Amino acid sequence: MGTITFNDGTEINLDNALPGASKEKTFSIAAQEGSTVSIKYNIKLNVTENTFEGKDLVYSIEGTTSGATSGQGNPVATVNEGALEKTNMNVNIGTGTLAPGEKHNYKFTIRFKETGSDQNSNQNKSFKGQLQVSTGDEDGSSMYYNASNPEGTTSEPSSESITDYPGE
């Protein structure tokens, strides 16, 4: 695929939070130099702890694109306020497509939103999670790219088709 760069790690921890508290992560996903095919990828949030009740804990993501050499891919759609409910331990953030030579830059934020009403029950609660990026669709299916399938396929290549991979 290329490179995935998390500027300050993948872990997100919001401990002993008060209304208005937030944590931000920035990262980029770049196509391999010299690539000739578009590649699908998926961003997920793996939640390991969420003691917040209700919908006071939210996330947002916004992405920008740079460097496409042919065509243009699609970054993950912007989300301004997605709820992080206590029972959802695997949050699908979205699926994007990198065009050859392209780079997608993201800003992901977790925030204990200030509602203007009594939020004492959620004060000093905690959230812990990890951002994950994988090649493929949001349902977790892997994508395979080769000369026969430049747009990708979910069918794993057979040993006979291994020689179809570019550069081999």
C-alpha atoms as a PDB file:
ATOM      1  CA  MET A   1       0.000   0.000   0.000  1.00  0.00           C
ATOM      2  CA  GLY A   2       2.667   2.484   0.947  1.00  0.00           C
ATOM      3  CA  THR A   3       3.122   4.146   4.300  1.00  0.00           C
ATOM      4  CA  ILE A   4       0.917   4.949   7.267  1.00  0.00           C
ATOM      5  CA  THR A   5       2.406   7.546   9.585  1.00  0.00           C
ATOM      6  CA  PHE A   6       0.903   8.349  12.990  1.00  0.00           C
ATOM      7  CA  ASN A   7       2.538  11.577  14.171  1.00  0.00           C
ATOM      8  CA  ASP A   8       2.239  10.696  17.864  1.00  0.00           C
ATOM      9  CA  GLY A   9       1.213   7.042  17.988  1.00  0.00           C
ATOM     10  CA  THR A  10      -2.079   5.211  17.551  1.00  0.00           C
ATOM     11  CA  GLU A  11      -3.216   5.204  21.196  1.00  0.00           C
ATOM     12  CA  ILE A  12      -5.904   7.650  22.349  1.00  0.00           C
ATOM     13  CA  ASN A  13      -6.372   8.151  26.083  1.00  0.00           C
ATOM     14  CA  LEU A  14      -8.774  10.616  27.662  1.00  0.00           C
ATOM     15  CA  ASP A  15      -8.482  10.180  31.441  1.00  0.00           C
ATOM     16  CA  ASN A  16     -10.414  11.917  34.224  1.00  0.00           C
ATOM     17  CA  ALA A  17     -12.195  14.045  31.641  1.00  0.00           C
ATOM     18  CA  LEU A  18     -14.201  17.169  32.271  1.00  0.00           C
ATOM     19  CA  PRO A  19     -16.646  18.670  29.733  1.00  0.00           C
ATOM     20  CA  GLY A  20     -14.723  20.252  26.854  1.00  0.00           C
ATOM     21  CA  ALA A  21     -11.698  17.944  27.193  1.00  0.00           C
ATOM     22  CA  SER A  22     -10.353  16.473  23.950  1.00  0.00           C
ATOM     23  CA  LYS A  23      -7.491  14.480  22.413  1.00  0.00           C
ATOM     24  CA  GLU A  24      -6.320  14.865  18.832  1.00  0.00           C
ATOM     25  CA  LYS A  25      -4.373  12.497  16.572  1.00  0.00           C
ATOM     26  CA  THR A  26      -2.900  13.365  13.196  1.00  0.00           C
ATOM     27  CA  PHE A  27      -1.800  10.770  10.681  1.00  0.00           C
ATOM     28  CA  SER A  28      -1.274  10.222   6.979  1.00  0.00           C
ATOM     29  CA  ILE A  29      -1.735   7.382   4.515  1.00  0.00           C
ATOM     30  CA  ALA A  30       0.405   7.549   1.377  1.00  0.00           C
ATOM     31  CA  ALA A  31       0.477   5.421  -1.760  1.00  0.00           C
ATOM     32  CA  GLN A  32       3.724   3.654  -2.506  1.00  0.00           C
ATOM     33  CA  GLU A  33       6.023   5.702  -4.724  1.00  0.00           C
ATOM     34  CA  GLY A  34       5.645   4.573  -8.313  1.00  0.00           C
ATOM     35  CA  SER A  35       2.329   2.828  -7.660  1.00  0.00           C
ATOM     36  CA  THR A  36       0.025   2.432 -10.655  1.00  0.00           C
ATOM     37  CA  VAL A  37      -3.231   1.276  -9.036  1.00  0.00           C
ATOM     38  CA  SER A  38      -5.715   2.809  -6.616  1.00  0.00           C
ATOM     39  CA  ILE A  39      -5.922   1.126  -3.213  1.00  0.00           C
ATOM     40  CA  LYS A  40      -8.894   0.925  -0.815  1.00  0.00           C
ATOM     41  CA  TYR A  41      -8.271   1.231   2.913  1.00  0.00           C
ATOM     42  CA  ASN A  42     -10.355   1.356   6.075  1.00  0.00           C
ATOM     43  CA  ILE A  43      -9.942   3.326   9.307  1.00  0.00           C
ATOM     44  CA  LYS A  44     -11.309   1.862  12.548  1.00  0.00           C
ATOM     45  CA  LEU A  45     -11.199   2.766  16.201  1.00  0.00           C
ATOM     46  CA  ASN A  46     -10.624  -0.194  18.509  1.00  0.00           C
ATOM     47  CA  VAL A  47     -12.029   0.797  21.920  1.00  0.00           C
ATOM     48  CA  THR A  48     -10.439  -0.904  24.931  1.00  0.00           C
ATOM     49  CA  GLU A  49     -12.180   1.166  27.638  1.00  0.00           C
ATOM     50  CA  ASN A  50     -15.103   3.579  27.634  1.00  0.00           C
ATOM     51  CA  THR A  51     -16.706   4.471  30.964  1.00  0.00           C
ATOM     52  CA  PHE A  52     -18.813   7.337  29.543  1.00  0.00           C
ATOM     53  CA  GLU A  53     -22.602   6.991  29.656  1.00  0.00           C
ATOM     54  CA  GLY A  54     -24.899   8.307  26.930  1.00  0.00           C
ATOM     55  CA  LYS A  55     -23.710  10.317  23.940  1.00  0.00           C
ATOM     56  CA  ASP A  56     -21.461  12.946  25.558  1.00  0.00           C
ATOM     57  CA  LEU A  57     -18.287  11.410  24.090  1.00  0.00           C
ATOM     58  CA  VAL A  58     -17.935  12.138  20.366  1.00  0.00           C
ATOM     59  CA  TYR A  59     -15.335  11.887  17.607  1.00  0.00           C
ATOM     60  CA  SER A  60     -14.599  13.843  14.465  1.00  0.00           C
ATOM     61  CA  ILE A  61     -12.364  13.208  11.475  1.00  0.00           C
ATOM     62  CA  GLU A  62     -11.374  15.372   8.556  1.00  0.00           C
ATOM     63  CA  GLY A  63      -9.009  14.573   5.730  1.00  0.00           C
ATOM     64  CA  THR A  64      -7.151  16.380   2.975  1.00  0.00           C
ATOM     65  CA  THR A  65      -5.588  15.050  -0.215  1.00  0.00           C
ATOM     66  CA  SER A  66      -2.271  15.872  -1.850  1.00  0.00           C
ATOM     67  CA  GLY A  67       0.100  14.543  -4.495  1.00  0.00           C
ATOM     68  CA  ALA A  68      -2.090  12.503  -6.866  1.00  0.00           C
ATOM     69  CA  THR A  69      -0.160  11.687 -10.049  1.00  0.00           C
ATOM     70  CA  SER A  70      -3.062  10.202 -12.025  1.00  0.00           C
ATOM     71  CA  GLY A  71      -6.720  10.464 -11.151  1.00  0.00           C
ATOM     72  CA  GLN A  72      -7.887  11.231  -7.672  1.00  0.00           C
ATOM     73  CA  GLY A  73      -8.799   8.979  -4.782  1.00  0.00           C
ATOM     74  CA  ASN A  74     -11.280   9.647  -2.017  1.00  0.00           C
ATOM     75  CA  PRO A  75     -10.327  10.247   1.601  1.00  0.00           C
ATOM     76  CA  VAL A  76     -12.631   9.006   4.352  1.00  0.00           C
ATOM     77  CA  ALA A  77     -15.736  11.216   4.556  1.00  0.00           C
ATOM     78  CA  THR A  78     -15.637  14.030   7.107  1.00  0.00           C
ATOM     79  CA  VAL A  79     -17.495  13.308  10.349  1.00  0.00           C
ATOM     80  CA  ASN A  80     -18.184  16.340  12.540  1.00  0.00           C
ATOM     81  CA  GLU A  81     -19.733  14.591  15.539  1.00  0.00           C
ATOM     82  CA  GLY A  82     -20.009  10.811  15.711  1.00  0.00           C
ATOM     83  CA  ALA A  83     -21.185   9.361  19.010  1.00  0.00           C
ATOM     84  CA  LEU A  84     -18.922   6.919  20.859  1.00  0.00           C
ATOM     85  CA  GLU A  85     -21.379   4.892  22.875  1.00  0.00           C
ATOM     86  CA  LYS A  86     -20.161   2.660  25.676  1.00  0.00           C
ATOM     87  CA  THR A  87     -21.253  -0.592  23.992  1.00  0.00           C
ATOM     88  CA  ASN A  88     -19.490   0.018  20.663  1.00  0.00           C
ATOM     89  CA  MET A  89     -15.985  -1.402  21.006  1.00  0.00           C
ATOM     90  CA  ASN A  90     -15.142  -1.422  17.264  1.00  0.00           C
ATOM     91  CA  VAL A  91     -16.059   1.803  15.497  1.00  0.00           C
ATOM     92  CA  ASN A  92     -15.833   1.908  11.720  1.00  0.00           C
ATOM     93  CA  ILE A  93     -14.624   5.426  10.900  1.00  0.00           C
ATOM     94  CA  GLY A  94     -14.759   4.971   7.124  1.00  0.00           C
ATOM     95  CA  THR A  95     -13.280   3.683   3.886  1.00  0.00           C
ATOM     96  CA  GLY A  96     -11.057   5.689   1.545  1.00  0.00           C
ATOM     97  CA  THR A  97      -9.291   5.135  -1.766  1.00  0.00           C
ATOM     98  CA  LEU A  98      -5.722   6.241  -2.533  1.00  0.00           C
ATOM     99  CA  ALA A  99      -4.914   7.095  -6.140  1.00  0.00           C
ATOM    100  CA  PRO A 100      -1.367   6.446  -7.417  1.00  0.00           C
ATOM    101  CA  GLY A 101       1.095   8.870  -5.808  1.00  0.00           C
ATOM    102  CA  GLU A 102      -1.547  10.289  -3.474  1.00  0.00           C
ATOM    103  CA  LYS A 103      -1.387  11.085   0.237  1.00  0.00           C
ATOM    104  CA  HIS A 104      -4.317  11.522   2.640  1.00  0.00           C
ATOM    105  CA  ASN A 105      -3.725  13.573   5.794  1.00  0.00           C
ATOM    106  CA  TYR A 106      -6.131  13.195   8.715  1.00  0.00           C
ATOM    107  CA  LYS A 107      -7.023  14.921  11.963  1.00  0.00           C
ATOM    108  CA  PHE A 108      -8.989  12.678  14.340  1.00  0.00           C
ATOM    109  CA  THR A 109     -10.406  14.092  17.592  1.00  0.00           C
ATOM    110  CA  ILE A 110     -12.131  12.531  20.619  1.00  0.00           C
ATOM    111  CA  ARG A 111     -14.072  15.097  22.687  1.00  0.00           C
ATOM    112  CA  PHE A 112     -16.177  15.145  25.853  1.00  0.00           C
ATOM    113  CA  LYS A 113     -18.678  17.619  24.450  1.00  0.00           C
ATOM    114  CA  GLU A 114     -20.006  20.430  26.585  1.00  0.00           C
ATOM    115  CA  THR A 115     -23.821  20.282  26.476  1.00  0.00           C
ATOM    116  CA  GLY A 116     -24.682  23.143  28.814  1.00  0.00           C
ATOM    117  CA  SER A 117     -26.673  20.788  31.037  1.00  0.00           C
ATOM    118  CA  ASP A 118     -25.756  18.649  34.053  1.00  0.00           C
ATOM    119  CA  GLN A 119     -22.927  16.286  33.047  1.00  0.00           C
ATOM    120  CA  ASN A 120     -21.715  15.336  36.527  1.00  0.00           C
ATOM    121  CA  SER A 121     -22.334  11.639  35.853  1.00  0.00           C
ATOM    122  CA  ASN A 122     -19.650  11.644  33.133  1.00  0.00           C
ATOM    123  CA  GLN A 123     -17.051  13.848  34.820  1.00  0.00           C
ATOM    124  CA  ASN A 124     -13.754  12.092  35.516  1.00  0.00           C
ATOM    125  CA  LYS A 125     -14.656   9.178  33.220  1.00  0.00           C
ATOM    126  CA  SER A 126     -12.094   7.617  30.877  1.00  0.00           C
ATOM    127  CA  PHE A 127     -11.691   6.517  27.281  1.00  0.00           C
ATOM    128  CA  LYS A 128      -8.914   4.371  25.809  1.00  0.00           C
ATOM    129  CA  GLY A 129      -8.638   3.221  22.227  1.00  0.00           C
ATOM    130  CA  GLN A 130      -6.394   2.719  19.241  1.00  0.00           C
ATOM    131  CA  LEU A 131      -6.711   3.878  15.639  1.00  0.00           C
ATOM    132  CA  GLN A 132      -6.173   1.163  13.024  1.00  0.00           C
ATOM    133  CA  VAL A 133      -5.736   1.381   9.256  1.00  0.00           C
ATOM    134  CA  SER A 134      -6.073  -1.708   7.059  1.00  0.00           C
ATOM    135  CA  THR A 135      -6.208  -2.387   3.351  1.00  0.00           C
ATOM    136  CA  GLY A 136      -9.692  -3.402   2.243  1.00  0.00           C
ATOM    137  CA  ASP A 137     -13.332  -2.620   2.880  1.00  0.00           C
ATOM    138  CA  GLU A 138     -15.167  -1.683   6.073  1.00  0.00           C
ATOM    139  CA  ASP A 139     -16.511  -5.230   6.465  1.00  0.00           C
ATOM    140  CA  GLY A 140     -12.935  -6.378   7.088  1.00  0.00           C
ATOM    141  CA  SER A 141     -12.474  -8.154   3.778  1.00  0.00           C
ATOM    142  CA  SER A 142      -8.922  -7.986   2.476  1.00  0.00           C
ATOM    143  CA  MET A 143      -8.200  -6.508  -0.926  1.00  0.00           C
ATOM    144  CA  TYR A 144      -5.607  -8.009  -3.269  1.00  0.00           C
ATOM    145  CA  TYR A 145      -4.003  -6.047  -6.105  1.00  0.00           C
ATOM    146  CA  ASN A 146      -2.211  -7.488  -9.134  1.00  0.00           C
ATOM    147  CA  ALA A 147      -1.947  -6.944 -12.878  1.00  0.00           C
ATOM    148  CA  SER A 148      -5.147  -8.938 -13.450  1.00  0.00           C
ATOM    149  CA  ASN A 149      -7.014  -6.936 -10.785  1.00  0.00           C
ATOM    150  CA  PRO A 150      -5.608  -3.392 -10.744  1.00  0.00           C
ATOM    151  CA  GLU A 151      -8.686  -2.079  -8.916  1.00  0.00           C
ATOM    152  CA  GLY A 152      -8.429  -4.857  -6.313  1.00  0.00           C
ATOM    153  CA  THR A 153     -10.417  -7.978  -5.571  1.00  0.00           C
ATOM    154  CA  THR A 154     -11.493  -9.761  -2.409  1.00  0.00           C
ATOM    155  CA  SER A 155     -10.516 -13.126  -3.954  1.00  0.00           C
ATOM    156  CA  GLU A 156      -7.139 -14.277  -2.674  1.00  0.00           C
ATOM    157  CA  PRO A 157      -4.802 -14.981  -5.598  1.00  0.00           C
ATOM    158  CA  SER A 158      -3.879 -18.572  -6.315  1.00  0.00           C
ATOM    159  CA  SER A 159      -0.252 -19.686  -6.421  1.00  0.00           C
ATOM    160  CA  GLU A 160      -0.479 -19.652 -10.234  1.00  0.00           C
ATOM    161  CA  SER A 161      -1.327 -15.930 -10.265  1.00  0.00           C
ATOM    162  CA  ILE A 162       1.404 -14.792  -7.859  1.00  0.00           C
ATOM    163  CA  THR A 163       3.569 -13.857 -10.840  1.00  0.00           C
ATOM    164  CA  ASP A 164       0.898 -11.294 -11.831  1.00  0.00           C
ATOM    165  CA  TYR A 165       2.021  -8.951  -9.064  1.00  0.00           C
ATOM    166  CA  PRO A 166       3.752  -5.841 -10.414  1.00  0.00           C
ATOM    167  CA  GLY A 167       7.510  -5.796  -9.931  1.00  0.00           C
ATOM    168  CA  GLU A 168       7.918  -9.574  -9.816  1.00  0.00           C
END
